[in-house]
């Protein structure tokens, strides 16, 4: 396994809490406690950059002090924004209503 595969596996770990803390990530990658934090955060930044195109991002849970993977979808979607153009949405509504 390469380092990114190990990070993905640790960040998607189930349980309570979901994800992994810094000591767990350092142990999994075999990095020392003090000097390894810089390398760990560089790798997590690179992983974040690679995951952004597929809609995932690395997040931090400050209550449990863990990092985890989450979707990058906006939670503040308004009802006015739809993925369909207005004419297509109206046509689809009419077809569904008539069916």
PDB file of N, CA and C in Angstrom:
ATOM      1  N   UNK A   1       0.848  -1.183   0.000  1.00  0.00           N
ATOM      2  CA  UNK A   1       0.000   0.000   0.000  1.00  0.00           C
ATOM      3  C   UNK A   1       0.892   1.244   0.000  1.00  0.00           C
ATOM      4  N   UNK A   2       0.484   2.230  -0.778  1.00  0.00           N
ATOM      5  CA  UNK A   2       1.225   3.472  -0.717  1.00  0.00           C
ATOM      6  C   UNK A   2       0.648   4.371   0.382  1.00  0.00           C
ATOM      7  N   UNK A   3       1.279   5.501   0.608  1.00  0.00           N
ATOM      8  CA  UNK A   3       0.902   6.368   1.721  1.00  0.00           C
ATOM      9  C   UNK A   3      -0.503   6.922   1.576  1.00  0.00           C
ATOM     10  N   UNK A   4      -0.917   7.227   0.344  1.00  0.00           N
ATOM     11  CA  UNK A   4      -2.252   7.780   0.138  1.00  0.00           C
ATOM     12  C   UNK A   4      -3.332   6.730   0.386  1.00  0.00           C
ATOM     13  N   UNK A   5      -3.054   5.487   0.025  1.00  0.00           N
ATOM     14  CA  UNK A   5      -4.009   4.414   0.306  1.00  0.00           C
ATOM     15  C   UNK A   5      -4.157   4.206   1.807  1.00  0.00           C
ATOM     16  N   UNK A   6      -3.051   4.324   2.533  1.00  0.00           N
ATOM     17  CA  UNK A   6      -3.121   4.207   3.991  1.00  0.00           C
ATOM     18  C   UNK A   6      -3.924   5.354   4.578  1.00  0.00           C
ATOM     19  N   UNK A   7      -3.703   6.572   4.071  1.00  0.00           N
ATOM     20  CA  UNK A   7      -4.467   7.723   4.564  1.00  0.00           C
ATOM     21  C   UNK A   7      -5.961   7.560   4.286  1.00  0.00           C
ATOM     22  N   UNK A   8      -6.305   7.115   3.084  1.00  0.00           N
ATOM     23  CA  UNK A   8      -7.725   6.904   2.746  1.00  0.00           C
ATOM     24  C   UNK A   8      -8.333   5.874   3.673  1.00  0.00           C
ATOM     25  N   UNK A   9      -7.611   4.798   3.896  1.00  0.00           N
ATOM     26  CA  UNK A   9      -8.143   3.743   4.776  1.00  0.00           C
ATOM     27  C   UNK A   9      -8.347   4.253   6.198  1.00  0.00           C
ATOM     28  N   UNK A  10      -7.416   5.032   6.701  1.00  0.00           N
ATOM     29  CA  UNK A  10      -7.529   5.550   8.063  1.00  0.00           C
ATOM     30  C   UNK A  10      -8.622   6.613   8.162  1.00  0.00           C
ATOM     31  N   UNK A  11      -8.752   7.467   7.155  1.00  0.00           N
ATOM     32  CA  UNK A  11      -9.735   8.546   7.200  1.00  0.00           C
ATOM     33  C   UNK A  11     -11.162   8.049   6.999  1.00  0.00           C
ATOM     34  N   UNK A  12     -11.318   6.872   6.416  1.00  0.00           N
ATOM     35  CA  UNK A  12     -12.659   6.313   6.212  1.00  0.00           C
ATOM     36  C   UNK A  12     -12.973   5.219   7.221  1.00  0.00           C
ATOM     37  N   UNK A  13     -12.170   5.106   8.245  1.00  0.00           N
ATOM     38  CA  UNK A  13     -12.363   4.090   9.271  1.00  0.00           C
ATOM     39  C   UNK A  13     -13.678   4.329  10.016  1.00  0.00           C
ATOM     40  N   UNK A  14     -14.449   3.262  10.200  1.00  0.00           N
ATOM     41  CA  UNK A  14     -15.722   3.383  10.906  1.00  0.00           C
ATOM     42  C   UNK A  14     -15.500   3.204  12.403  1.00  0.00           C
ATOM     43  N   UNK A  15     -16.520   3.471  13.137  1.00  0.00           N
ATOM     44  CA  UNK A  15     -16.449   3.346  14.590  1.00  0.00           C
ATOM     45  C   UNK A  15     -16.890   4.637  15.232  1.00  0.00           C
ATOM     46  N   UNK A  16     -16.546   4.794  16.471  1.00  0.00           N
ATOM     47  CA  UNK A  16     -16.908   6.016  17.170  1.00  0.00           C
ATOM     48  C   UNK A  16     -15.645   6.594  17.776  1.00  0.00           C
ATOM     49  N   UNK A  17     -15.121   7.648  17.277  1.00  0.00           N
ATOM     50  CA  UNK A  17     -15.556   8.513  16.179  1.00  0.00           C
ATOM     51  C   UNK A  17     -15.095   7.982  14.822  1.00  0.00           C
ATOM     52  N   UNK A  18     -15.726   8.484  13.790  1.00  0.00           N
ATOM     53  CA  UNK A  18     -15.366   8.116  12.423  1.00  0.00           C
ATOM     54  C   UNK A  18     -14.074   8.844  12.061  1.00  0.00           C
ATOM     55  N   UNK A  19     -13.152   8.154  11.440  1.00  0.00           N
ATOM     56  CA  UNK A  19     -11.897   8.773  11.033  1.00  0.00           C
ATOM     57  C   UNK A  19     -10.748   8.356  11.930  1.00  0.00           C
ATOM     58  N   UNK A  20      -9.699   9.181  11.926  1.00  0.00           N
ATOM     59  CA  UNK A  20      -8.495   8.844  12.691  1.00  0.00           C
ATOM     60  C   UNK A  20      -7.863  10.116  13.242  1.00  0.00           C
ATOM     61  N   UNK A  21      -7.275   9.987  14.405  1.00  0.00           N
ATOM     62  CA  UNK A  21      -6.561  11.089  15.023  1.00  0.00           C
ATOM     63  C   UNK A  21      -5.131  11.176  14.509  1.00  0.00           C
ATOM     64  N   UNK A  22      -4.456  12.249  14.886  1.00  0.00           N
ATOM     65  CA  UNK A  22      -3.084  12.459  14.432  1.00  0.00           C
ATOM     66  C   UNK A  22      -2.148  11.349  14.908  1.00  0.00           C
ATOM     67  N   UNK A  23      -2.221  10.914  16.176  1.00  0.00           N
ATOM     68  CA  UNK A  23      -1.318   9.820  16.579  1.00  0.00           C
ATOM     69  C   UNK A  23      -1.547   8.526  15.786  1.00  0.00           C
ATOM     70  N   UNK A  24      -2.814   8.230  15.481  1.00  0.00           N
ATOM     71  CA  UNK A  24      -3.108   7.030  14.683  1.00  0.00           C
ATOM     72  C   UNK A  24      -2.548   7.148  13.273  1.00  0.00           C
ATOM     73  N   UNK A  25      -2.695   8.333  12.665  1.00  0.00           N
ATOM     74  CA  UNK A  25      -2.181   8.542  11.314  1.00  0.00           C
ATOM     75  C   UNK A  25      -0.658   8.463  11.284  1.00  0.00           C
ATOM     76  N   UNK A  26      -0.012   9.037  12.290  1.00  0.00           N
ATOM     77  CA  UNK A  26       1.450   8.976  12.353  1.00  0.00           C
ATOM     78  C   UNK A  26       1.936   7.541  12.513  1.00  0.00           C
ATOM     79  N   UNK A  27       1.259   6.773  13.364  1.00  0.00           N
ATOM     80  CA  UNK A  27       1.637   5.368  13.552  1.00  0.00           C
ATOM     81  C   UNK A  27       1.434   4.559  12.274  1.00  0.00           C
ATOM     82  N   UNK A  28       0.326   4.796  11.579  1.00  0.00           N
ATOM     83  CA  UNK A  28       0.040   4.041  10.361  1.00  0.00           C
ATOM     84  C   UNK A  28       1.063   4.328   9.264  1.00  0.00           C
ATOM     85  N   UNK A  29       1.544   5.573   9.200  1.00  0.00           N
ATOM     86  CA  UNK A  29       2.528   5.933   8.186  1.00  0.00           C
ATOM     87  C   UNK A  29       3.963   5.682   8.638  1.00  0.00           C
ATOM     88  N   UNK A  30       4.142   5.369   9.918  1.00  0.00           N
ATOM     89  CA  UNK A  30       5.478   5.104  10.429  1.00  0.00           C
ATOM     90  C   UNK A  30       6.312   6.366  10.596  1.00  0.00           C
ATOM     91  N   UNK A  31       5.667   7.482  10.913  1.00  0.00           N
ATOM     92  CA  UNK A  31       6.369   8.758  11.070  1.00  0.00           C
ATOM     93  C   UNK A  31       6.605   9.050  12.549  1.00  0.00           C
ATOM     94  N   UNK A  32       7.702   9.750  12.885  1.00  0.00           N
ATOM     95  CA  UNK A  32       7.932  10.114  14.289  1.00  0.00           C
ATOM     96  C   UNK A  32       6.928  11.158  14.756  1.00  0.00           C
ATOM     97  N   UNK A  33       6.735  11.246  16.059  1.00  0.00           N
ATOM     98  CA  UNK A  33       5.698  12.112  16.635  1.00  0.00           C
ATOM     99  C   UNK A  33       5.890  13.587  16.288  1.00  0.00           C
ATOM    100  N   UNK A  34       7.028  14.159  16.584  1.00  0.00           N
ATOM    101  CA  UNK A  34       7.232  15.601  16.403  1.00  0.00           C
ATOM    102  C   UNK A  34       7.541  15.978  14.953  1.00  0.00           C
ATOM    103  N   UNK A  35       8.527  15.366  14.364  1.00  0.00           N
ATOM    104  CA  UNK A  35       8.949  15.730  13.014  1.00  0.00           C
ATOM    105  C   UNK A  35       7.982  15.221  11.953  1.00  0.00           C
ATOM    106  N   UNK A  36       7.188  14.222  12.273  1.00  0.00           N
ATOM    107  CA  UNK A  36       6.292  13.632  11.288  1.00  0.00           C
ATOM    108  C   UNK A  36       5.026  14.417  11.041  1.00  0.00           C
ATOM    109  N   UNK A  37       4.670  15.321  11.939  1.00  0.00           N
ATOM    110  CA  UNK A  37       3.436  16.100  11.752  1.00  0.00           C
ATOM    111  C   UNK A  37       3.495  16.945  10.481  1.00  0.00           C
ATOM    112  N   UNK A  38       4.637  17.549  10.223  1.00  0.00           N
ATOM    113  CA  UNK A  38       4.780  18.381   9.029  1.00  0.00           C
ATOM    114  C   UNK A  38       4.587  17.543   7.767  1.00  0.00           C
ATOM    115  N   UNK A  39       5.199  16.388   7.727  1.00  0.00           N
ATOM    116  CA  UNK A  39       5.076  15.485   6.568  1.00  0.00           C
ATOM    117  C   UNK A  39       3.636  15.001   6.446  1.00  0.00           C
ATOM    118  N   UNK A  40       3.007  14.681   7.581  1.00  0.00           N
ATOM    119  CA  UNK A  40       1.626  14.204   7.565  1.00  0.00           C
ATOM    120  C   UNK A  40       0.693  15.256   6.981  1.00  0.00           C
ATOM    121  N   UNK A  41       0.832  16.504   7.420  1.00  0.00           N
ATOM    122  CA  UNK A  41      -0.062  17.548   6.917  1.00  0.00           C
ATOM    123  C   UNK A  41       0.216  17.891   5.462  1.00  0.00           C
ATOM    124  N   UNK A  42       1.456  17.745   5.008  1.00  0.00           N
ATOM    125  CA  UNK A  42       1.747  17.912   3.587  1.00  0.00           C
ATOM    126  C   UNK A  42       1.055  16.829   2.763  1.00  0.00           C
ATOM    127  N   UNK A  43       1.111  15.594   3.236  1.00  0.00           N
ATOM    128  CA  UNK A  43       0.472  14.493   2.521  1.00  0.00           C
ATOM    129  C   UNK A  43      -1.049  14.627   2.540  1.00  0.00           C
ATOM    130  N   UNK A  44      -1.599  15.090   3.664  1.00  0.00           N
ATOM    131  CA  UNK A  44      -3.047  15.288   3.725  1.00  0.00           C
ATOM    132  C   UNK A  44      -3.494  16.432   2.812  1.00  0.00           C
ATOM    133  N   UNK A  45      -2.663  17.468   2.678  1.00  0.00           N
ATOM    134  CA  UNK A  45      -2.963  18.550   1.738  1.00  0.00           C
ATOM    135  C   UNK A  45      -2.935  18.068   0.296  1.00  0.00           C
ATOM    136  N   UNK A  46      -1.950  17.235  -0.027  1.00  0.00           N
ATOM    137  CA  UNK A  46      -1.873  16.671  -1.379  1.00  0.00           C
ATOM    138  C   UNK A  46      -3.056  15.741  -1.645  1.00  0.00           C
ATOM    139  N   UNK A  47      -3.447  14.981  -0.623  1.00  0.00           N
ATOM    140  CA  UNK A  47      -4.608  14.098  -0.763  1.00  0.00           C
ATOM    141  C   UNK A  47      -5.876  14.916  -0.980  1.00  0.00           C
ATOM    142  N   UNK A  48      -6.011  16.008  -0.244  1.00  0.00           N
ATOM    143  CA  UNK A  48      -7.160  16.907  -0.405  1.00  0.00           C
ATOM    144  C   UNK A  48      -7.226  17.418  -1.843  1.00  0.00           C
ATOM    145  N   UNK A  49      -6.077  17.787  -2.388  1.00  0.00           N
ATOM    146  CA  UNK A  49      -6.016  18.294  -3.761  1.00  0.00           C
ATOM    147  C   UNK A  49      -6.418  17.219  -4.769  1.00  0.00           C
ATOM    148  N   UNK A  50      -6.037  15.969  -4.511  1.00  0.00           N
ATOM    149  CA  UNK A  50      -6.372  14.876  -5.424  1.00  0.00           C
ATOM    150  C   UNK A  50      -7.828  14.456  -5.310  1.00  0.00           C
ATOM    151  N   UNK A  51      -8.435  14.614  -4.135  1.00  0.00           N
ATOM    152  CA  UNK A  51      -9.820  14.185  -3.930  1.00  0.00           C
ATOM    153  C   UNK A  51     -10.844  15.233  -4.347  1.00  0.00           C
ATOM    154  N   UNK A  52     -10.433  16.481  -4.460  1.00  0.00           N
ATOM    155  CA  UNK A  52     -11.366  17.560  -4.790  1.00  0.00           C
ATOM    156  C   UNK A  52     -12.122  17.319  -6.099  1.00  0.00           C
ATOM    157  N   UNK A  53     -11.482  16.841  -7.181  1.00  0.00           N
ATOM    158  CA  UNK A  53     -12.233  16.629  -8.427  1.00  0.00           C
ATOM    159  C   UNK A  53     -13.335  15.573  -8.327  1.00  0.00           C
ATOM    160  N   UNK A  54     -13.237  14.633  -7.402  1.00  0.00           N
ATOM    161  CA  UNK A  54     -14.283  13.611  -7.289  1.00  0.00           C
ATOM    162  C   UNK A  54     -15.302  13.945  -6.199  1.00  0.00           C
ATOM    163  N   UNK A  55     -15.227  15.154  -5.642  1.00  0.00           N
ATOM    164  CA  UNK A  55     -16.240  15.606  -4.706  1.00  0.00           C
ATOM    165  C   UNK A  55     -16.027  15.210  -3.258  1.00  0.00           C
ATOM    166  N   UNK A  56     -14.801  14.897  -2.872  1.00  0.00           N
ATOM    167  CA  UNK A  56     -14.501  14.545  -1.482  1.00  0.00           C
ATOM    168  C   UNK A  56     -13.513  15.548  -0.906  1.00  0.00           C
ATOM    169  N   UNK A  57     -13.535  15.681   0.416  1.00  0.00           N
ATOM    170  CA  UNK A  57     -12.567  16.543   1.074  1.00  0.00           C
ATOM    171  C   UNK A  57     -12.252  16.012   2.465  1.00  0.00           C
ATOM    172  N   UNK A  58     -11.075  16.353   2.944  1.00  0.00           N
ATOM    173  CA  UNK A  58     -10.647  15.958   4.281  1.00  0.00           C
ATOM    174  C   UNK A  58     -11.158  17.009   5.258  1.00  0.00           C
ATOM    175  N   UNK A  59     -11.849  16.558   6.286  1.00  0.00           N
ATOM    176  CA  UNK A  59     -12.389  17.476   7.296  1.00  0.00           C
ATOM    177  C   UNK A  59     -11.864  17.100   8.669  1.00  0.00           C
ATOM    178  N   UNK A  60     -11.988  18.040   9.592  1.00  0.00           N
ATOM    179  CA  UNK A  60     -11.509  17.835  10.961  1.00  0.00           C
ATOM    180  C   UNK A  60     -12.684  17.951  11.915  1.00  0.00           C
ATOM    181  N   UNK A  61     -12.801  17.000  12.828  1.00  0.00           N
ATOM    182  CA  UNK A  61     -13.815  17.045  13.877  1.00  0.00           C
ATOM    183  C   UNK A  61     -13.121  17.548  15.148  1.00  0.00           C
ATOM    184  N   UNK A  62     -13.357  18.817  15.538  1.00  0.00           N
ATOM    185  CA  UNK A  62     -12.633  19.359  16.682  1.00  0.00           C
ATOM    186  C   UNK A  62     -13.073  18.775  18.020  1.00  0.00           C
ATOM    187  N   UNK A  63     -14.254  18.197  18.104  1.00  0.00           N
ATOM    188  CA  UNK A  63     -14.708  17.615  19.367  1.00  0.00           C
ATOM    189  C   UNK A  63     -13.974  16.330  19.698  1.00  0.00           C
ATOM    190  N   UNK A  64     -13.797  15.478  18.686  1.00  0.00           N
ATOM    191  CA  UNK A  64     -13.124  14.197  18.894  1.00  0.00           C
ATOM    192  C   UNK A  64     -11.661  14.223  18.458  1.00  0.00           C
ATOM    193  N   UNK A  65     -11.200  15.352  17.889  1.00  0.00           N
ATOM    194  CA  UNK A  65      -9.816  15.518  17.430  1.00  0.00           C
ATOM    195  C   UNK A  65      -9.435  14.461  16.403  1.00  0.00           C
ATOM    196  N   UNK A  66     -10.304  14.266  15.413  1.00  0.00           N
ATOM    197  CA  UNK A  66     -10.037  13.309  14.344  1.00  0.00           C
ATOM    198  C   UNK A  66     -10.241  13.972  12.983  1.00  0.00           C
ATOM    199  N   UNK A  67      -9.588  13.411  11.986  1.00  0.00           N
ATOM    200  CA  UNK A  67      -9.787  13.810  10.598  1.00  0.00           C
ATOM    201  C   UNK A  67     -10.586  12.713   9.913  1.00  0.00           C
ATOM    202  N   UNK A  68     -11.428  13.099   8.942  1.00  0.00           N
ATOM    203  CA  UNK A  68     -12.252  12.132   8.232  1.00  0.00           C
ATOM    204  C   UNK A  68     -12.541  12.648   6.835  1.00  0.00           C
ATOM    205  N   UNK A  69     -13.016  11.762   5.962  1.00  0.00           N
ATOM    206  CA  UNK A  69     -13.399  12.141   4.602  1.00  0.00           C
ATOM    207  C   UNK A  69     -14.887  12.428   4.561  1.00  0.00           C
ATOM    208  N   UNK A  70     -15.248  13.482   3.833  1.00  0.00           N
ATOM    209  CA  UNK A  70     -16.643  13.860   3.693  1.00  0.00           C
ATOM    210  C   UNK A  70     -16.863  14.354   2.267  1.00  0.00           C
ATOM    211  N   UNK A  71     -18.104  14.443   1.880  1.00  0.00           N
ATOM    212  CA  UNK A  71     -18.404  14.979   0.563  1.00  0.00           C
ATOM    213  C   UNK A  71     -18.254  16.489   0.591  1.00  0.00           C
ATOM    214  N   UNK A  72     -17.916  17.053  -0.538  1.00  0.00           N
ATOM    215  CA  UNK A  72     -17.691  18.491  -0.633  1.00  0.00           C
ATOM    216  C   UNK A  72     -18.950  19.232  -1.052  1.00  0.00           C
ATOM    217  N   UNK A  73     -20.102  18.574  -1.021  1.00  0.00           N
ATOM    218  CA  UNK A  73     -21.351  19.208  -1.432  1.00  0.00           C
ATOM    219  C   UNK A  73     -21.695  20.328  -0.470  1.00  0.00           C
ATOM    220  N   UNK A  74     -22.240  21.390  -1.008  1.00  0.00           N
ATOM    221  CA  UNK A  74     -22.629  22.522  -0.178  1.00  0.00           C
ATOM    222  C   UNK A  74     -23.859  22.153   0.642  1.00  0.00           C
ATOM    223  N   UNK A  75     -23.868  22.555   1.885  1.00  0.00           N
ATOM    224  CA  UNK A  75     -25.018  22.276   2.741  1.00  0.00           C
ATOM    225  C   UNK A  75     -26.023  23.410   2.706  1.00  0.00           C
ATOM    226  N   UNK A  76     -25.654  24.522   2.110  1.00  0.00           N
ATOM    227  CA  UNK A  76     -26.534  25.678   2.065  1.00  0.00           C
ATOM    228  C   UNK A  76     -27.182  25.824   0.693  1.00  0.00           C
ATOM    229  N   UNK A  77     -27.567  24.721   0.086  1.00  0.00           N
ATOM    230  CA  UNK A  77     -28.215  24.789  -1.217  1.00  0.00           C
ATOM    231  C   UNK A  77     -29.576  25.443  -1.074  1.00  0.00           C
ATOM    232  N   UNK A  78     -29.823  26.419  -1.890  1.00  0.00           N
ATOM    233  CA  UNK A  78     -31.125  27.070  -1.853  1.00  0.00           C
ATOM    234  C   UNK A  78     -32.073  26.365  -2.813  1.00  0.00           C
ATOM    235  N   UNK A  79     -33.346  26.570  -2.616  1.00  0.00           N
ATOM    236  CA  UNK A  79     -34.338  25.942  -3.477  1.00  0.00           C
ATOM    237  C   UNK A  79     -34.358  26.579  -4.859  1.00  0.00           C
ATOM    238  N   UNK A  80     -33.824  27.782  -4.980  1.00  0.00           N
ATOM    239  CA  UNK A  80     -33.820  28.452  -6.268  1.00  0.00           C
ATOM    240  C   UNK A  80     -32.812  27.832  -7.234  1.00  0.00           C
ATOM    241  N   UNK A  81     -31.745  27.272  -6.719  1.00  0.00           N
ATOM    242  CA  UNK A  81     -30.732  26.667  -7.572  1.00  0.00           C
ATOM    243  C   UNK A  81     -31.097  25.218  -7.873  1.00  0.00           C
ATOM    244  N   UNK A  82     -31.282  24.914  -9.137  1.00  0.00           N
ATOM    245  CA  UNK A  82     -31.563  23.548  -9.548  1.00  0.00           C
ATOM    246  C   UNK A  82     -30.524  23.140 -10.585  1.00  0.00           C
ATOM    247  N   UNK A  83     -30.220  21.866 -10.663  1.00  0.00           N
ATOM    248  CA  UNK A  83     -29.246  21.438 -11.659  1.00  0.00           C
ATOM    249  C   UNK A  83     -29.812  21.445 -13.077  1.00  0.00           C
ATOM    250  N   UNK A  84     -31.125  21.574 -13.215  1.00  0.00           N
ATOM    251  CA  UNK A  84     -31.756  21.582 -14.536  1.00  0.00           C
ATOM    252  C   UNK A  84     -32.097  23.009 -14.958  1.00  0.00           C
ATOM    253  N   UNK A  85     -32.002  23.298 -16.243  1.00  0.00           N
ATOM    254  CA  UNK A  85     -32.466  24.603 -16.722  1.00  0.00           C
ATOM    255  C   UNK A  85     -33.973  24.732 -16.500  1.00  0.00           C
ATOM    256  N   UNK A  86     -34.458  25.952 -16.449  1.00  0.00           N
ATOM    257  CA  UNK A  86     -35.872  26.210 -16.143  1.00  0.00           C
ATOM    258  C   UNK A  86     -36.821  25.535 -17.136  1.00  0.00           C
ATOM    259  N   UNK A  87     -36.533  25.628 -18.425  1.00  0.00           N
ATOM    260  CA  UNK A  87     -37.438  25.047 -19.423  1.00  0.00           C
ATOM    261  C   UNK A  87     -37.475  23.530 -19.316  1.00  0.00           C
ATOM    262  N   UNK A  88     -36.327  22.923 -19.071  1.00  0.00           N
ATOM    263  CA  UNK A  88     -36.270  21.471 -18.939  1.00  0.00           C
ATOM    264  C   UNK A  88     -36.993  21.018 -17.670  1.00  0.00           C
ATOM    265  N   UNK A  89     -36.834  21.751 -16.591  1.00  0.00           N
ATOM    266  CA  UNK A  89     -37.522  21.416 -15.348  1.00  0.00           C
ATOM    267  C   UNK A  89     -39.027  21.543 -15.506  1.00  0.00           C
ATOM    268  N   UNK A  90     -39.484  22.583 -16.208  1.00  0.00           N
ATOM    269  CA  UNK A  90     -40.914  22.762 -16.437  1.00  0.00           C
ATOM    270  C   UNK A  90     -41.471  21.649 -17.314  1.00  0.00           C
ATOM    271  N   UNK A  91     -40.738  21.263 -18.353  1.00  0.00           N
ATOM    272  CA  UNK A  91     -41.174  20.178 -19.229  1.00  0.00           C
ATOM    273  C   UNK A  91     -41.249  18.865 -18.458  1.00  0.00           C
ATOM    274  N   UNK A  92     -40.276  18.597 -17.626  1.00  0.00           N
ATOM    275  CA  UNK A  92     -40.270  17.386 -16.822  1.00  0.00           C
ATOM    276  C   UNK A  92     -41.442  17.381 -15.849  1.00  0.00           C
ATOM    277  N   UNK A  93     -41.764  18.513 -15.256  1.00  0.00           N
ATOM    278  CA  UNK A  93     -42.905  18.604 -14.346  1.00  0.00           C
ATOM    279  C   UNK A  93     -44.219  18.300 -15.063  1.00  0.00           C
ATOM    280  N   UNK A  94     -44.367  18.815 -16.277  1.00  0.00           N
ATOM    281  CA  UNK A  94     -45.584  18.563 -17.037  1.00  0.00           C
ATOM    282  C   UNK A  94     -45.695  17.078 -17.403  1.00  0.00           C
ATOM    283  N   UNK A  95     -44.605  16.475 -17.818  1.00  0.00           N
ATOM    284  CA  UNK A  95     -44.619  15.066 -18.199  1.00  0.00           C
ATOM    285  C   UNK A  95     -44.954  14.190 -16.998  1.00  0.00           C
ATOM    286  N   UNK A  96     -44.360  14.487 -15.849  1.00  0.00           N
ATOM    287  CA  UNK A  96     -44.654  13.710 -14.646  1.00  0.00           C
ATOM    288  C   UNK A  96     -46.110  13.892 -14.232  1.00  0.00           C
ATOM    289  N   UNK A  97     -46.612  15.105 -14.334  1.00  0.00           N
ATOM    290  CA  UNK A  97     -48.004  15.369 -13.953  1.00  0.00           C
ATOM    291  C   UNK A  97     -48.968  14.639 -14.880  1.00  0.00           C
ATOM    292  N   UNK A  98     -48.710  14.635 -16.171  1.00  0.00           N
ATOM    293  CA  UNK A  98     -49.594  13.972 -17.116  1.00  0.00           C
ATOM    294  C   UNK A  98     -49.484  12.447 -17.022  1.00  0.00           C
ATOM    295  N   UNK A  99     -48.356  11.947 -16.616  1.00  0.00           N
ATOM    296  CA  UNK A  99     -48.198  10.507 -16.529  1.00  0.00           C
ATOM    297  C   UNK A  99     -48.935   9.998 -15.311  1.00  0.00           C
TER     298      UNK A  99
END
